[in-house]
Amino acid sequence: IARDSAGGEDVRDVLTAIVDMNGLDSSTVHPGQRILVPSR
């Protein structure tokens, strides 16, 4: 998800943003789980 949403940004930064935006404890996402993804 982070790689597809990176749009030229560092994937690690996008992953950190996804984890922070969603209050996740890790980068694990489960099937059916809804998450917010930063816009490009």
PDB file of N, CA and C in Angstrom:
ATOM      1  N   ILE A   1       0.837  -1.187   0.000  1.00  0.00           N
ATOM      2  CA  ILE A   1       0.000   0.000   0.000  1.00  0.00           C
ATOM      3  C   ILE A   1       0.879   1.247   0.000  1.00  0.00           C
ATOM      4  N   ALA A   2       1.887   1.259   0.852  1.00  0.00           N
ATOM      5  CA  ALA A   2       2.767   2.430   0.934  1.00  0.00           C
ATOM      6  C   ALA A   2       3.500   2.652  -0.382  1.00  0.00           C
ATOM      7  N   ARG A   3       3.977   1.568  -0.988  1.00  0.00           N
ATOM      8  CA  ARG A   3       4.709   1.682  -2.261  1.00  0.00           C
ATOM      9  C   ARG A   3       3.796   2.250  -3.342  1.00  0.00           C
ATOM     10  N   ASP A   4       2.560   1.774  -3.403  1.00  0.00           N
ATOM     11  CA  ASP A   4       1.620   2.246  -4.421  1.00  0.00           C
ATOM     12  C   ASP A   4       1.204   3.694  -4.181  1.00  0.00           C
ATOM     13  N   SER A   5       1.268   4.147  -2.942  1.00  0.00           N
ATOM     14  CA  SER A   5       0.826   5.495  -2.590  1.00  0.00           C
ATOM     15  C   SER A   5       1.963   6.501  -2.523  1.00  0.00           C
ATOM     16  N   ALA A   6       3.199   6.048  -2.683  1.00  0.00           N
ATOM     17  CA  ALA A   6       4.361   6.911  -2.456  1.00  0.00           C
ATOM     18  C   ALA A   6       4.469   8.053  -3.457  1.00  0.00           C
ATOM     19  N   GLY A   7       4.161   7.805  -4.720  1.00  0.00           N
ATOM     20  CA  GLY A   7       4.221   8.873  -5.714  1.00  0.00           C
ATOM     21  C   GLY A   7       5.560   9.583  -5.757  1.00  0.00           C
ATOM     22  N   GLY A   8       6.660   8.841  -5.658  1.00  0.00           N
ATOM     23  CA  GLY A   8       7.981   9.444  -5.719  1.00  0.00           C
ATOM     24  C   GLY A   8       8.581   9.747  -4.361  1.00  0.00           C
ATOM     25  N   GLU A   9       7.787   9.691  -3.301  1.00  0.00           N
ATOM     26  CA  GLU A   9       8.303   9.916  -1.956  1.00  0.00           C
ATOM     27  C   GLU A   9       8.979   8.654  -1.444  1.00  0.00           C
ATOM     28  N   ASP A  10       9.746   8.797  -0.394  1.00  0.00           N
ATOM     29  CA  ASP A  10      10.380   7.649   0.252  1.00  0.00           C
ATOM     30  C   ASP A  10       9.281   6.773   0.853  1.00  0.00           C
ATOM     31  N   VAL A  11       9.262   5.510   0.482  1.00  0.00           N
ATOM     32  CA  VAL A  11       8.222   4.582   0.936  1.00  0.00           C
ATOM     33  C   VAL A  11       8.203   4.491   2.459  1.00  0.00           C
ATOM     34  N   ARG A  12       9.365   4.592   3.090  1.00  0.00           N
ATOM     35  CA  ARG A  12       9.421   4.524   4.561  1.00  0.00           C
ATOM     36  C   ARG A  12       8.672   5.681   5.193  1.00  0.00           C
ATOM     37  N   ASP A  13       8.759   6.861   4.592  1.00  0.00           N
ATOM     38  CA  ASP A  13       8.034   8.020   5.113  1.00  0.00           C
ATOM     39  C   ASP A  13       6.531   7.839   4.955  1.00  0.00           C
ATOM     40  N   VAL A  14       6.117   7.290   3.824  1.00  0.00           N
ATOM     41  CA  VAL A  14       4.694   7.051   3.582  1.00  0.00           C
ATOM     42  C   VAL A  14       4.178   6.000   4.560  1.00  0.00           C
ATOM     43  N   LEU A  15       4.948   4.950   4.782  1.00  0.00           N
ATOM     44  CA  LEU A  15       4.546   3.909   5.724  1.00  0.00           C
ATOM     45  C   LEU A  15       4.395   4.482   7.129  1.00  0.00           C
ATOM     46  N   THR A  16       5.330   5.310   7.536  1.00  0.00           N
ATOM     47  CA  THR A  16       5.240   5.953   8.851  1.00  0.00           C
ATOM     48  C   THR A  16       3.986   6.807   8.945  1.00  0.00           C
ATOM     49  N   ALA A  17       3.663   7.539   7.891  1.00  0.00           N
ATOM     50  CA  ALA A  17       2.462   8.370   7.879  1.00  0.00           C
ATOM     51  C   ALA A  17       1.204   7.515   7.995  1.00  0.00           C
ATOM     52  N   ILE A  18       1.157   6.393   7.279  1.00  0.00           N
ATOM     53  CA  ILE A  18      -0.010   5.504   7.342  1.00  0.00           C
ATOM     54  C   ILE A  18      -0.179   4.956   8.759  1.00  0.00           C
ATOM     55  N   VAL A  19       0.911   4.500   9.356  1.00  0.00           N
ATOM     56  CA  VAL A  19       0.856   3.963  10.720  1.00  0.00           C
ATOM     57  C   VAL A  19       0.378   5.044  11.684  1.00  0.00           C
ATOM     58  N   ASP A  20       0.926   6.255  11.577  1.00  0.00           N
ATOM     59  CA  ASP A  20       0.550   7.355  12.466  1.00  0.00           C
ATOM     60  C   ASP A  20      -0.902   7.783  12.266  1.00  0.00           C
ATOM     61  N   MET A  21      -1.328   7.933  11.011  1.00  0.00           N
ATOM     62  CA  MET A  21      -2.691   8.389  10.709  1.00  0.00           C
ATOM     63  C   MET A  21      -3.751   7.447  11.258  1.00  0.00           C
ATOM     64  N   ASN A  22      -3.410   6.179  11.323  1.00  0.00           N
ATOM     65  CA  ASN A  22      -4.382   5.165  11.702  1.00  0.00           C
ATOM     66  C   ASN A  22      -4.187   4.636  13.122  1.00  0.00           C
ATOM     67  N   GLY A  23      -3.219   5.179  13.844  1.00  0.00           N
ATOM     68  CA  GLY A  23      -2.976   4.753  15.213  1.00  0.00           C
ATOM     69  C   GLY A  23      -2.626   3.280  15.315  1.00  0.00           C
ATOM     70  N   LEU A  24      -1.889   2.776  14.325  1.00  0.00           N
ATOM     71  CA  LEU A  24      -1.525   1.364  14.302  1.00  0.00           C
ATOM     72  C   LEU A  24      -0.317   1.113  15.197  1.00  0.00           C
ATOM     73  N   ASP A  25      -0.239  -0.094  15.759  1.00  0.00           N
ATOM     74  CA  ASP A  25       0.911  -0.479  16.572  1.00  0.00           C
ATOM     75  C   ASP A  25       2.035  -1.050  15.714  1.00  0.00           C
ATOM     76  N   SER A  26       1.709  -1.447  14.491  1.00  0.00           N
ATOM     77  CA  SER A  26       2.700  -2.003  13.571  1.00  0.00           C
ATOM     78  C   SER A  26       2.245  -1.705  12.148  1.00  0.00           C
ATOM     79  N   SER A  27       3.005  -2.189  11.189  1.00  0.00           N
ATOM     80  CA  SER A  27       2.638  -1.968   9.790  1.00  0.00           C
ATOM     81  C   SER A  27       1.763  -3.088   9.247  1.00  0.00           C
ATOM     82  N   THR A  28       1.304  -3.985  10.119  1.00  0.00           N
ATOM     83  CA  THR A  28       0.459  -5.097   9.693  1.00  0.00           C
ATOM     84  C   THR A  28      -0.977  -4.618   9.491  1.00  0.00           C
ATOM     85  N   VAL A  29      -1.544  -4.937   8.332  1.00  0.00           N
ATOM     86  CA  VAL A  29      -2.939  -4.619   8.026  1.00  0.00           C
ATOM     87  C   VAL A  29      -3.638  -5.932   7.705  1.00  0.00           C
ATOM     88  N   HIS A  30      -4.836  -6.094   8.237  1.00  0.00           N
ATOM     89  CA  HIS A  30      -5.581  -7.339   8.064  1.00  0.00           C
ATOM     90  C   HIS A  30      -6.644  -7.185   6.980  1.00  0.00           C
ATOM     91  N   PRO A  31      -6.990  -8.267   6.299  1.00  0.00           N
ATOM     92  CA  PRO A  31      -8.031  -8.215   5.267  1.00  0.00           C
ATOM     93  C   PRO A  31      -9.323  -7.611   5.825  1.00  0.00           C
ATOM     94  N   GLY A  32      -9.875  -6.662   5.098  1.00  0.00           N
ATOM     95  CA  GLY A  32     -11.117  -6.011   5.501  1.00  0.00           C
ATOM     96  C   GLY A  32     -10.918  -4.809   6.410  1.00  0.00           C
ATOM     97  N   GLN A  33      -9.699  -4.620   6.913  1.00  0.00           N
ATOM     98  CA  GLN A  33      -9.423  -3.487   7.789  1.00  0.00           C
ATOM     99  C   GLN A  33      -9.383  -2.211   6.950  1.00  0.00           C
ATOM    100  N   ARG A  34     -10.076  -1.191   7.406  1.00  0.00           N
ATOM    101  CA  ARG A  34     -10.077   0.094   6.701  1.00  0.00           C
ATOM    102  C   ARG A  34      -8.979   0.977   7.275  1.00  0.00           C
ATOM    103  N   ILE A  35      -8.243   1.610   6.375  1.00  0.00           N
ATOM    104  CA  ILE A  35      -7.170   2.504   6.807  1.00  0.00           C
ATOM    105  C   ILE A  35      -7.207   3.785   5.986  1.00  0.00           C
ATOM    106  N   LEU A  36      -6.664   4.834   6.568  1.00  0.00           N
ATOM    107  CA  LEU A  36      -6.470   6.090   5.852  1.00  0.00           C
ATOM    108  C   LEU A  36      -5.114   6.037   5.174  1.00  0.00           C
ATOM    109  N   VAL A  37      -5.030   6.615   3.983  1.00  0.00           N
ATOM    110  CA  VAL A  37      -3.784   6.659   3.222  1.00  0.00           C
ATOM    111  C   VAL A  37      -3.548   8.112   2.824  1.00  0.00           C
ATOM    112  N   PRO A  38      -2.332   8.644   3.033  1.00  0.00           N
ATOM    113  CA  PRO A  38      -2.070  10.035   2.671  1.00  0.00           C
ATOM    114  C   PRO A  38      -2.240  10.263   1.170  1.00  0.00           C
ATOM    115  N   SER A  39      -2.771  11.433   0.826  1.00  0.00           N
ATOM    116  CA  SER A  39      -2.922  11.760  -0.596  1.00  0.00           C
ATOM    117  C   SER A  39      -1.577  12.196  -1.152  1.00  0.00           C
ATOM    118  N   ARG A  40      -1.428  12.057  -2.435  1.00  0.00           N
ATOM    119  CA  ARG A  40      -0.152  12.395  -3.082  1.00  0.00           C
ATOM    120  C   ARG A  40       0.045  13.859  -3.194  1.00  0.00           C
TER     121      ARG A  40
END
